[in-house]
Amino acid sequence: MRFVSGRFFLGLVILVIGVILLLNNLVEGIEIDVRQIIRLWPAIPVVLGLNWIFASFGSASAEGEQKVFFSWGQFVTGLIAVAVGVIFLGRNLDLFYVDTSIFWNLLWPLILILIGLNLLRGRAFSSARGGRFAFMGGANVGGSEPWKLGSGSYFAFMGGIEMDLRSAEIAEGETVIDLTAIMGGIEVKIPRGLAVVYDGNAVLGGVTFKDYEDGGLIGGRKIESNVMEDSSKIVRIQARAIMGGVEIKEA
């Protein structure tokens, strides 16, 4: 459930500020103190935080069924955003004062710890088993021609990787694909009906699997899709995004 789109709200705020500046510059007799409006900037994280809290309780369609879910990452991110917004809004409006030094001193070390834990969870593969590294550039994996998919690690740092598994030949058993995007993006197209075990995590980024989205300060979930007892071919996708994004979608 979303009561407002975050992008819509930010766009509206920027639009209002632009209109105010234009009126101040062009219309005589209109003098709006922009500084007083800028003091209200903490209302932005409050609204976005409430949006994330409401969105953490929702539903999404998966394999023809409507499933209810709870995203703990979005919920925690929303609580933190609301808390930060309320603290700074109260201070800017001289309603109350809260010493935020302890908060900031704890926040960044905790973020670094979360990033480190996310990276340590990755599974390492030798180059012989496949994989790709993109540094400040782009890489394409797969395509319309048949190709063999093997377990491998795909790493995008300030770059992008596009993978197309629709024509891939998948071996019997479990194939593990480890995806890491740091200040970059990875997009994976999978065929419909593919048996997938998905484990995605994000720190200051976003991860998307079909209709399920997680992101913000922290986020993540595990999903089994089209996995049956007699599934002979299973693709395990381990995805992590750090100040970047990973998107897995059916095509």
C-alpha atoms as a PDB file:
ATOM      1  CA  MET A   1       0.000   0.000   0.000  1.00  0.00           C
ATOM      2  CA  ARG A   2       1.416   3.359  -1.055  1.00  0.00           C
ATOM      3  CA  PHE A   3      -0.402   6.572  -0.249  1.00  0.00           C
ATOM      4  CA  VAL A   4       1.988   8.693  -2.321  1.00  0.00           C
ATOM      5  CA  SER A   5       4.777   8.034  -4.772  1.00  0.00           C
ATOM      6  CA  GLY A   6       8.164   9.155  -3.483  1.00  0.00           C
ATOM      7  CA  ARG A   7       9.197  10.388  -6.918  1.00  0.00           C
ATOM      8  CA  PHE A   8       5.894  12.281  -7.261  1.00  0.00           C
ATOM      9  CA  PHE A   9       6.369  13.956  -3.880  1.00  0.00           C
ATOM     10  CA  LEU A  10       9.952  15.031  -4.595  1.00  0.00           C
ATOM     11  CA  GLY A  11       8.915  16.311  -8.001  1.00  0.00           C
ATOM     12  CA  LEU A  12       6.092  18.302  -6.417  1.00  0.00           C
ATOM     13  CA  VAL A  13       8.442  19.878  -3.857  1.00  0.00           C
ATOM     14  CA  ILE A  14      10.937  20.915  -6.544  1.00  0.00           C
ATOM     15  CA  LEU A  15       8.099  22.277  -8.696  1.00  0.00           C
ATOM     16  CA  VAL A  16       6.713  24.397  -5.847  1.00  0.00           C
ATOM     17  CA  ILE A  17      10.142  25.855  -5.046  1.00  0.00           C
ATOM     18  CA  GLY A  18      10.696  26.668  -8.715  1.00  0.00           C
ATOM     19  CA  VAL A  19       7.333  28.424  -9.000  1.00  0.00           C
ATOM     20  CA  ILE A  20       8.044  30.458  -5.854  1.00  0.00           C
ATOM     21  CA  LEU A  21      11.443  31.566  -7.156  1.00  0.00           C
ATOM     22  CA  LEU A  22       9.897  32.475 -10.518  1.00  0.00           C
ATOM     23  CA  LEU A  23       7.162  34.564  -8.886  1.00  0.00           C
ATOM     24  CA  ASN A  24       9.694  36.334  -6.671  1.00  0.00           C
ATOM     25  CA  ASN A  25      11.799  37.248  -9.706  1.00  0.00           C
ATOM     26  CA  LEU A  26       9.057  38.254 -12.136  1.00  0.00           C
ATOM     27  CA  VAL A  27       6.032  39.534 -10.206  1.00  0.00           C
ATOM     28  CA  GLU A  28       6.230  42.779  -8.295  1.00  0.00           C
ATOM     29  CA  GLY A  29       4.635  42.822  -4.881  1.00  0.00           C
ATOM     30  CA  ILE A  30       5.195  39.127  -4.270  1.00  0.00           C
ATOM     31  CA  GLU A  31       7.970  38.416  -1.816  1.00  0.00           C
ATOM     32  CA  ILE A  32       8.004  34.931  -0.415  1.00  0.00           C
ATOM     33  CA  ASP A  33      10.831  34.129   1.950  1.00  0.00           C
ATOM     34  CA  VAL A  34      12.309  30.994   0.416  1.00  0.00           C
ATOM     35  CA  ARG A  35      14.505  30.484   3.465  1.00  0.00           C
ATOM     36  CA  GLN A  36      11.428  29.886   5.622  1.00  0.00           C
ATOM     37  CA  ILE A  37      10.224  27.255   3.163  1.00  0.00           C
ATOM     38  CA  ILE A  38      13.620  25.585   3.023  1.00  0.00           C
ATOM     39  CA  ARG A  39      13.448  25.227   6.822  1.00  0.00           C
ATOM     40  CA  LEU A  40      10.633  22.743   6.211  1.00  0.00           C
ATOM     41  CA  TRP A  41      12.878  20.342   4.254  1.00  0.00           C
ATOM     42  CA  PRO A  42      12.665  17.693   7.056  1.00  0.00           C
ATOM     43  CA  ALA A  43       9.038  17.180   6.016  1.00  0.00           C
ATOM     44  CA  ILE A  44      10.410  15.337   2.963  1.00  0.00           C
ATOM     45  CA  PRO A  45      11.969  12.407   4.894  1.00  0.00           C
ATOM     46  CA  VAL A  46       8.855  12.324   7.113  1.00  0.00           C
ATOM     47  CA  VAL A  47       6.525  11.847   4.132  1.00  0.00           C
ATOM     48  CA  LEU A  48       8.892   9.427   2.392  1.00  0.00           C
ATOM     49  CA  GLY A  49       9.356   7.484   5.629  1.00  0.00           C
ATOM     50  CA  LEU A  50       5.599   7.145   6.120  1.00  0.00           C
ATOM     51  CA  ASN A  51       5.367   6.021   2.510  1.00  0.00           C
ATOM     52  CA  TRP A  52       7.961   3.282   3.120  1.00  0.00           C
ATOM     53  CA  ILE A  53       6.228   2.179   6.324  1.00  0.00           C
ATOM     54  CA  PHE A  54       2.884   1.801   4.550  1.00  0.00           C
ATOM     55  CA  ALA A  55       4.561   0.127   1.565  1.00  0.00           C
ATOM     56  CA  SER A  56       6.212  -2.455   3.821  1.00  0.00           C
ATOM     57  CA  PHE A  57       2.752  -3.931   4.414  1.00  0.00           C
ATOM     58  CA  GLY A  58       1.422  -4.917   1.035  1.00  0.00           C
ATOM     59  CA  SER A  59       0.729  -7.545  -1.532  1.00  0.00           C
ATOM     60  CA  ALA A  60       2.078  -8.531  -4.916  1.00  0.00           C
ATOM     61  CA  SER A  61       1.030 -10.970  -7.604  1.00  0.00           C
ATOM     62  CA  ALA A  62       3.252 -13.983  -8.011  1.00  0.00           C
ATOM     63  CA  GLU A  63       2.526 -16.994 -10.195  1.00  0.00           C
ATOM     64  CA  GLY A  64      -1.117 -16.061 -10.511  1.00  0.00           C
ATOM     65  CA  GLU A  65      -1.657 -15.602  -6.778  1.00  0.00           C
ATOM     66  CA  GLN A  66      -1.933 -12.479  -4.663  1.00  0.00           C
ATOM     67  CA  LYS A  67       0.511 -12.818  -1.788  1.00  0.00           C
ATOM     68  CA  VAL A  68       0.685 -10.641   1.310  1.00  0.00           C
ATOM     69  CA  PHE A  69       4.174  -9.683   2.436  1.00  0.00           C
ATOM     70  CA  PHE A  70       5.992  -7.646   5.050  1.00  0.00           C
ATOM     71  CA  SER A  71       9.271  -5.960   4.120  1.00  0.00           C
ATOM     72  CA  TRP A  72      11.262  -5.416   7.324  1.00  0.00           C
ATOM     73  CA  GLY A  73      13.898  -3.420   5.445  1.00  0.00           C
ATOM     74  CA  GLN A  74      11.411  -0.854   4.164  1.00  0.00           C
ATOM     75  CA  PHE A  75       9.751  -0.684   7.581  1.00  0.00           C
ATOM     76  CA  VAL A  76      13.020   0.021   9.426  1.00  0.00           C
ATOM     77  CA  THR A  77      14.103   2.506   6.747  1.00  0.00           C
ATOM     78  CA  GLY A  78      10.773   4.284   7.060  1.00  0.00           C
ATOM     79  CA  LEU A  79      11.046   4.509  10.849  1.00  0.00           C
ATOM     80  CA  ILE A  80      14.548   5.974  10.608  1.00  0.00           C
ATOM     81  CA  ALA A  81      13.490   8.492   7.951  1.00  0.00           C
ATOM     82  CA  VAL A  82      10.486   9.617  10.001  1.00  0.00           C
ATOM     83  CA  ALA A  83      12.620   9.930  13.150  1.00  0.00           C
ATOM     84  CA  VAL A  84      15.269  12.003  11.346  1.00  0.00           C
ATOM     85  CA  GLY A  85      12.633  14.229   9.773  1.00  0.00           C
ATOM     86  CA  VAL A  86      10.792  14.851  13.044  1.00  0.00           C
ATOM     87  CA  ILE A  87      14.026  15.625  14.908  1.00  0.00           C
ATOM     88  CA  PHE A  88      15.241  18.183  12.363  1.00  0.00           C
ATOM     89  CA  LEU A  89      11.777  19.647  11.777  1.00  0.00           C
ATOM     90  CA  GLY A  90      11.347  20.245  15.496  1.00  0.00           C
ATOM     91  CA  ARG A  91      14.752  21.895  15.681  1.00  0.00           C
ATOM     92  CA  ASN A  92      14.161  24.103  12.616  1.00  0.00           C
ATOM     93  CA  LEU A  93      10.794  25.281  13.957  1.00  0.00           C
ATOM     94  CA  ASP A  94      12.209  25.833  17.479  1.00  0.00           C
ATOM     95  CA  LEU A  95       9.778  23.309  18.940  1.00  0.00           C
ATOM     96  CA  PHE A  96      12.382  21.138  20.642  1.00  0.00           C
ATOM     97  CA  TYR A  97      16.047  20.251  20.365  1.00  0.00           C
ATOM     98  CA  VAL A  98      17.586  16.795  20.198  1.00  0.00           C
ATOM     99  CA  ASP A  99      21.329  16.190  20.142  1.00  0.00           C
ATOM    100  CA  THR A 100      21.851  14.249  16.890  1.00  0.00           C
ATOM    101  CA  SER A 101      25.586  13.721  17.282  1.00  0.00           C
ATOM    102  CA  ILE A 102      25.101  10.284  18.856  1.00  0.00           C
ATOM    103  CA  PHE A 103      22.779   9.278  16.006  1.00  0.00           C
ATOM    104  CA  TRP A 104      25.241  10.267  13.276  1.00  0.00           C
ATOM    105  CA  ASN A 105      28.163   8.726  15.166  1.00  0.00           C
ATOM    106  CA  LEU A 106      26.303   5.408  15.215  1.00  0.00           C
ATOM    107  CA  LEU A 107      24.679   5.529  11.780  1.00  0.00           C
ATOM    108  CA  TRP A 108      27.712   5.516   9.495  1.00  0.00           C
ATOM    109  CA  PRO A 109      29.648   2.804  11.365  1.00  0.00           C
ATOM    110  CA  LEU A 110      26.503   0.644  11.297  1.00  0.00           C
ATOM    111  CA  ILE A 111      26.111   1.254   7.558  1.00  0.00           C
ATOM    112  CA  LEU A 112      29.737   0.240   6.977  1.00  0.00           C
ATOM    113  CA  ILE A 113      29.156  -2.914   9.058  1.00  0.00           C
ATOM    114  CA  LEU A 114      26.057  -3.765   6.990  1.00  0.00           C
ATOM    115  CA  ILE A 115      27.995  -3.221   3.759  1.00  0.00           C
ATOM    116  CA  GLY A 116      30.815  -5.454   4.982  1.00  0.00           C
ATOM    117  CA  LEU A 117      28.414  -8.206   6.045  1.00  0.00           C
ATOM    118  CA  ASN A 118      26.658  -8.031   2.682  1.00  0.00           C
ATOM    119  CA  LEU A 119      29.917  -8.409   0.789  1.00  0.00           C
ATOM    120  CA  LEU A 120      31.082 -11.276   3.002  1.00  0.00           C
ATOM    121  CA  ARG A 121      27.882 -13.166   2.226  1.00  0.00           C
ATOM    122  CA  GLY A 122      28.844 -13.362  -1.451  1.00  0.00           C
ATOM    123  CA  ARG A 123      30.012 -16.668  -2.855  1.00  0.00           C
ATOM    124  CA  ALA A 124      33.360 -16.585  -4.631  1.00  0.00           C
ATOM    125  CA  PHE A 125      33.883 -18.353  -7.949  1.00  0.00           C
ATOM    126  CA  SER A 126      36.933 -18.889 -10.061  1.00  0.00           C
ATOM    127  CA  SER A 127      36.987 -17.328 -13.502  1.00  0.00           C
ATOM    128  CA  ALA A 128      36.754 -20.790 -15.000  1.00  0.00           C
ATOM    129  CA  ARG A 129      33.272 -21.177 -13.594  1.00  0.00           C
ATOM    130  CA  GLY A 130      32.070 -17.998 -15.204  1.00  0.00           C
ATOM    131  CA  GLY A 131      31.336 -14.463 -14.175  1.00  0.00           C
ATOM    132  CA  ARG A 132      31.890 -10.904 -15.271  1.00  0.00           C
ATOM    133  CA  PHE A 133      33.309  -7.729 -13.766  1.00  0.00           C
ATOM    134  CA  ALA A 134      32.241  -4.262 -14.907  1.00  0.00           C
ATOM    135  CA  PHE A 135      34.202  -1.258 -13.650  1.00  0.00           C
ATOM    136  CA  MET A 136      32.949   2.160 -14.798  1.00  0.00           C
ATOM    137  CA  GLY A 137      31.623   0.523 -17.934  1.00  0.00           C
ATOM    138  CA  GLY A 138      29.080  -1.927 -19.230  1.00  0.00           C
ATOM    139  CA  ALA A 139      28.929  -5.641 -19.970  1.00  0.00           C
ATOM    140  CA  ASN A 140      26.363  -7.854 -21.680  1.00  0.00           C
ATOM    141  CA  VAL A 141      25.881 -11.530 -20.858  1.00  0.00           C
ATOM    142  CA  GLY A 142      23.747 -13.828 -22.974  1.00  0.00           C
ATOM    143  CA  GLY A 143      21.428 -12.874 -25.785  1.00  0.00           C
ATOM    144  CA  SER A 144      19.189 -14.417 -28.410  1.00  0.00           C
ATOM    145  CA  GLU A 145      21.660 -17.170 -29.330  1.00  0.00           C
ATOM    146  CA  PRO A 146      21.804 -20.337 -27.155  1.00  0.00           C
ATOM    147  CA  TRP A 147      24.579 -20.307 -24.566  1.00  0.00           C
ATOM    148  CA  LYS A 148      25.517 -22.303 -21.478  1.00  0.00           C
ATOM    149  CA  LEU A 149      24.852 -20.806 -18.076  1.00  0.00           C
ATOM    150  CA  GLY A 150      27.184 -21.839 -15.277  1.00  0.00           C
ATOM    151  CA  SER A 151      27.614 -20.747 -11.688  1.00  0.00           C
ATOM    152  CA  GLY A 152      29.472 -17.472 -11.484  1.00  0.00           C
ATOM    153  CA  SER A 153      29.936 -14.132  -9.815  1.00  0.00           C
ATOM    154  CA  TYR A 154      28.925 -10.864 -11.522  1.00  0.00           C
ATOM    155  CA  PHE A 155      30.240  -7.639 -10.057  1.00  0.00           C
ATOM    156  CA  ALA A 156      29.360  -4.109 -11.208  1.00  0.00           C
ATOM    157  CA  PHE A 157      31.271  -1.228  -9.648  1.00  0.00           C
ATOM    158  CA  MET A 158      30.166   2.191 -10.946  1.00  0.00           C
ATOM    159  CA  GLY A 159      29.095   0.347 -14.076  1.00  0.00           C
ATOM    160  CA  GLY A 160      26.362  -1.867 -15.400  1.00  0.00           C
ATOM    161  CA  ILE A 161      25.775  -5.485 -16.382  1.00  0.00           C
ATOM    162  CA  GLU A 162      22.869  -6.751 -18.478  1.00  0.00           C
ATOM    163  CA  MET A 163      22.120 -10.477 -18.410  1.00  0.00           C
ATOM    164  CA  ASP A 164      19.631 -12.335 -20.584  1.00  0.00           C
ATOM    165  CA  LEU A 165      18.919 -15.893 -19.456  1.00  0.00           C
ATOM    166  CA  ARG A 166      16.009 -16.524 -21.798  1.00  0.00           C
ATOM    167  CA  SER A 167      18.116 -18.495 -24.289  1.00  0.00           C
ATOM    168  CA  ALA A 168      20.515 -19.978 -21.732  1.00  0.00           C
ATOM    169  CA  GLU A 169      21.101 -23.716 -21.459  1.00  0.00           C
ATOM    170  CA  ILE A 170      20.827 -24.525 -17.765  1.00  0.00           C
ATOM    171  CA  ALA A 171      22.484 -27.661 -16.409  1.00  0.00           C
ATOM    172  CA  GLU A 172      20.748 -30.176 -14.175  1.00  0.00           C
ATOM    173  CA  GLY A 173      20.908 -29.429 -10.467  1.00  0.00           C
ATOM    174  CA  GLU A 174      21.537 -26.038  -8.891  1.00  0.00           C
ATOM    175  CA  THR A 175      23.193 -23.129 -10.683  1.00  0.00           C
ATOM    176  CA  VAL A 176      24.273 -20.246  -8.456  1.00  0.00           C
ATOM    177  CA  ILE A 177      24.469 -16.693  -9.771  1.00  0.00           C
ATOM    178  CA  ASP A 178      26.020 -14.175  -7.388  1.00  0.00           C
ATOM    179  CA  LEU A 179      25.236 -10.531  -8.236  1.00  0.00           C
ATOM    180  CA  THR A 180      26.843  -7.499  -6.598  1.00  0.00           C
ATOM    181  CA  ALA A 181      26.212  -3.899  -7.646  1.00  0.00           C
ATOM    182  CA  ILE A 182      28.142  -1.103  -5.925  1.00  0.00           C
ATOM    183  CA  MET A 183      27.205   2.364  -7.179  1.00  0.00           C
ATOM    184  CA  GLY A 184      26.113   0.609 -10.349  1.00  0.00           C
ATOM    185  CA  GLY A 185      23.351  -1.558 -11.699  1.00  0.00           C
ATOM    186  CA  ILE A 186      22.667  -5.130 -12.799  1.00  0.00           C
ATOM    187  CA  GLU A 187      19.622  -6.132 -14.835  1.00  0.00           C
ATOM    188  CA  VAL A 188      18.714  -9.789 -15.363  1.00  0.00           C
ATOM    189  CA  LYS A 189      16.000 -11.092 -17.665  1.00  0.00           C
ATOM    190  CA  ILE A 190      14.759 -14.588 -16.846  1.00  0.00           C
ATOM    191  CA  PRO A 191      12.309 -16.792 -18.766  1.00  0.00           C
ATOM    192  CA  ARG A 192       8.838 -17.334 -17.374  1.00  0.00           C
ATOM    193  CA  GLY A 193       8.458 -20.486 -15.342  1.00  0.00           C
ATOM    194  CA  LEU A 194      12.129 -20.723 -14.397  1.00  0.00           C
ATOM    195  CA  ALA A 195      12.645 -22.306 -10.964  1.00  0.00           C
ATOM    196  CA  VAL A 196      14.439 -19.626  -8.930  1.00  0.00           C
ATOM    197  CA  VAL A 197      15.547 -19.329  -5.326  1.00  0.00           C
ATOM    198  CA  TYR A 198      16.125 -15.630  -4.767  1.00  0.00           C
ATOM    199  CA  ASP A 199      17.963 -13.970  -1.882  1.00  0.00           C
ATOM    200  CA  GLY A 200      18.311 -10.202  -2.245  1.00  0.00           C
ATOM    201  CA  ASN A 201      19.708  -7.522   0.076  1.00  0.00           C
ATOM    202  CA  ALA A 202      20.287  -3.796  -0.282  1.00  0.00           C
ATOM    203  CA  VAL A 203      22.134  -1.133   1.680  1.00  0.00           C
ATOM    204  CA  LEU A 204      21.381   2.410   0.485  1.00  0.00           C
ATOM    205  CA  GLY A 205      20.184   0.849  -2.749  1.00  0.00           C
ATOM    206  CA  GLY A 206      17.427  -1.252  -4.234  1.00  0.00           C
ATOM    207  CA  VAL A 207      16.813  -4.864  -5.269  1.00  0.00           C
ATOM    208  CA  THR A 208      13.833  -6.023  -7.316  1.00  0.00           C
ATOM    209  CA  PHE A 209      12.656  -9.551  -8.064  1.00  0.00           C
ATOM    210  CA  LYS A 210       9.626  -9.645 -10.367  1.00  0.00           C
ATOM    211  CA  ASP A 211       6.961  -7.664  -8.484  1.00  0.00           C
ATOM    212  CA  TYR A 212       8.846  -7.518  -5.192  1.00  0.00           C
ATOM    213  CA  GLU A 213      10.881  -4.386  -4.457  1.00  0.00           C
ATOM    214  CA  ASP A 214      13.148  -3.734  -1.484  1.00  0.00           C
ATOM    215  CA  GLY A 215      15.448  -0.859  -0.797  1.00  0.00           C
ATOM    216  CA  GLY A 216      16.178   2.303   1.114  1.00  0.00           C
ATOM    217  CA  LEU A 217      18.620   2.330   3.979  1.00  0.00           C
ATOM    218  CA  ILE A 218      18.412  -1.450   4.273  1.00  0.00           C
ATOM    219  CA  GLY A 219      16.157  -4.057   2.718  1.00  0.00           C
ATOM    220  CA  GLY A 220      15.935  -7.635   1.604  1.00  0.00           C
ATOM    221  CA  ARG A 221      13.941 -10.838   1.339  1.00  0.00           C
ATOM    222  CA  LYS A 222      14.111 -14.497   0.256  1.00  0.00           C
ATOM    223  CA  ILE A 223      11.718 -15.928  -2.316  1.00  0.00           C
ATOM    224  CA  GLU A 224      11.219 -19.291  -3.980  1.00  0.00           C
ATOM    225  CA  SER A 225       9.550 -18.999  -7.371  1.00  0.00           C
ATOM    226  CA  ASN A 226       8.304 -21.963  -9.466  1.00  0.00           C
ATOM    227  CA  VAL A 227      10.300 -24.372  -7.274  1.00  0.00           C
ATOM    228  CA  MET A 228       8.640 -27.807  -7.106  1.00  0.00           C
ATOM    229  CA  GLU A 229       9.679 -31.053  -5.457  1.00  0.00           C
ATOM    230  CA  ASP A 230      10.557 -32.512  -8.837  1.00  0.00           C
ATOM    231  CA  SER A 231      12.388 -29.422 -10.145  1.00  0.00           C
ATOM    232  CA  SER A 232      15.519 -30.741 -11.838  1.00  0.00           C
ATOM    233  CA  LYS A 233      16.960 -27.327 -12.717  1.00  0.00           C
ATOM    234  CA  ILE A 234      17.113 -24.566 -10.129  1.00  0.00           C
ATOM    235  CA  VAL A 235      18.810 -21.186 -10.427  1.00  0.00           C
ATOM    236  CA  ARG A 236      19.825 -19.669  -7.110  1.00  0.00           C
ATOM    237  CA  ILE A 237      20.233 -15.895  -7.378  1.00  0.00           C
ATOM    238  CA  GLN A 238      22.135 -14.092  -4.628  1.00  0.00           C
ATOM    239  CA  ALA A 239      21.774 -10.362  -5.179  1.00  0.00           C
ATOM    240  CA  ARG A 240      23.127  -7.434  -3.216  1.00  0.00           C
ATOM    241  CA  ALA A 241      23.047  -3.737  -4.026  1.00  0.00           C
ATOM    242  CA  ILE A 242      25.140  -1.138  -2.239  1.00  0.00           C
ATOM    243  CA  MET A 243      24.305   2.391  -3.311  1.00  0.00           C
ATOM    244  CA  GLY A 244      23.153   0.793  -6.549  1.00  0.00           C
ATOM    245  CA  GLY A 245      20.447  -1.455  -7.932  1.00  0.00           C
ATOM    246  CA  VAL A 246      19.782  -5.031  -9.019  1.00  0.00           C
ATOM    247  CA  GLU A 247      16.655  -5.934 -10.983  1.00  0.00           C
ATOM    248  CA  ILE A 248      15.536  -9.428 -11.947  1.00  0.00           C
ATOM    249  CA  LYS A 249      12.468  -9.540 -14.161  1.00  0.00           C
ATOM    250  CA  GLU A 250      10.591 -12.020 -16.299  1.00  0.00           C
ATOM    251  CA  ALA A 251      10.570 -11.284 -20.012  1.00  0.00           C
END
